[in-house]
């Protein structure tokens, strides 16, 4: 019985020629594009409503922590 070598000599390996043998999976095709479609710039930014809500929440949180710090100091 011969021994099996999991790392055969590449000079004797028929797969090293770069050609896929029958039953083997060929290499994946190369892609040069992202496939995301054409670039479309944004038509507008944030709406006024969401910005007002976010700013209002930030001010309320800041006021809460300021009042909490004053209450702890008193």
Protein backbone atom coordinates (compact mmCIF):
# COMPACT_ATOMS: atom_id res chain seq x y z
CA UNK A 1 0.00 0.00 0.00
CA UNK A 2 1.23 3.46 -0.87
CA UNK A 3 1.07 6.33 1.53
CA UNK A 4 -1.12 9.32 0.80
CA UNK A 5 0.68 12.66 0.75
CA UNK A 6 -1.75 15.54 1.46
CA UNK A 7 0.82 18.00 0.07
CA UNK A 8 1.85 16.59 -3.33
CA UNK A 9 4.71 17.88 -5.42
CA UNK A 10 3.31 20.80 -7.45
CA UNK A 11 5.40 19.83 -10.48
CA UNK A 12 3.54 16.51 -10.70
CA UNK A 13 0.10 17.85 -9.76
CA UNK A 14 -2.16 18.19 -12.85
CA UNK A 15 -4.18 20.91 -11.08
CA UNK A 16 -1.22 23.31 -11.06
CA UNK A 17 -1.59 23.96 -14.80
CA UNK A 18 -4.36 26.50 -14.13
CA UNK A 19 -7.01 24.50 -15.98
CA UNK A 20 -9.97 23.16 -14.02
CA UNK A 21 -10.23 19.41 -14.21
CA UNK A 22 -13.60 17.71 -14.75
CA UNK A 23 -15.54 17.72 -11.49
CA UNK A 24 -13.60 20.63 -9.98
CA UNK A 25 -14.99 24.05 -9.31
CA UNK A 26 -13.45 26.71 -11.57
CA UNK A 27 -12.19 29.92 -9.95
CA UNK A 28 -14.76 32.62 -9.26
CA UNK A 29 -15.14 35.29 -11.89
CA UNK A 30 -13.51 38.63 -11.23
CA UNK A 31 -15.59 41.73 -10.77
CA UNK A 32 -14.41 45.27 -11.39
CA UNK A 33 -17.59 47.09 -10.39
CA UNK A 34 -19.47 47.34 -7.13
CA UNK A 35 -22.80 46.60 -8.81
CA UNK A 36 -24.53 49.25 -6.71
CA UNK A 37 -25.91 51.09 -9.71
CA UNK A 38 -25.36 54.64 -10.87
CA UNK A 39 -24.50 57.38 -8.37
CA UNK A 40 -27.45 59.53 -7.45
CA UNK A 41 -26.73 62.54 -5.23
CA UNK A 42 -29.12 63.22 -2.36
CA UNK A 43 -31.90 65.61 -3.26
CA UNK A 44 -32.20 67.07 0.22
CA UNK A 45 -30.77 66.68 3.70
CA UNK A 46 -32.44 66.20 7.04
CA UNK A 47 -35.95 67.54 7.38
CA UNK A 48 -36.60 70.34 9.85
CA UNK A 49 -38.94 68.22 11.97
CA UNK A 50 -36.47 65.44 12.90
CA UNK A 51 -33.71 68.00 13.59
CA UNK A 52 -35.96 69.98 15.94
CA UNK A 53 -36.97 66.81 17.81
CA UNK A 54 -33.34 65.66 18.22
CA UNK A 55 -32.17 69.08 19.40
CA UNK A 56 -35.12 69.36 21.81
CA UNK A 57 -34.36 65.92 23.30
CA UNK A 58 -30.68 66.84 23.71
CA UNK A 59 -31.59 70.06 25.52
CA UNK A 60 -34.05 68.24 27.80
CA UNK A 61 -31.46 65.59 28.70
CA UNK A 62 -28.86 68.29 29.40
CA UNK A 63 -31.34 70.19 31.61
CA UNK A 64 -32.20 67.00 33.49
CA UNK A 65 -28.56 66.27 34.30
CA UNK A 66 -27.95 69.91 35.24
CA UNK A 67 -30.91 69.84 37.65
CA UNK A 68 -29.71 66.48 39.03
CA UNK A 69 -26.21 67.86 39.64
CA UNK A 70 -27.68 70.92 41.41
CA UNK A 71 -29.89 68.70 43.56
CA UNK A 72 -26.92 66.55 44.57
CA UNK A 73 -24.82 69.59 45.43
CA UNK A 74 -27.54 71.12 47.62
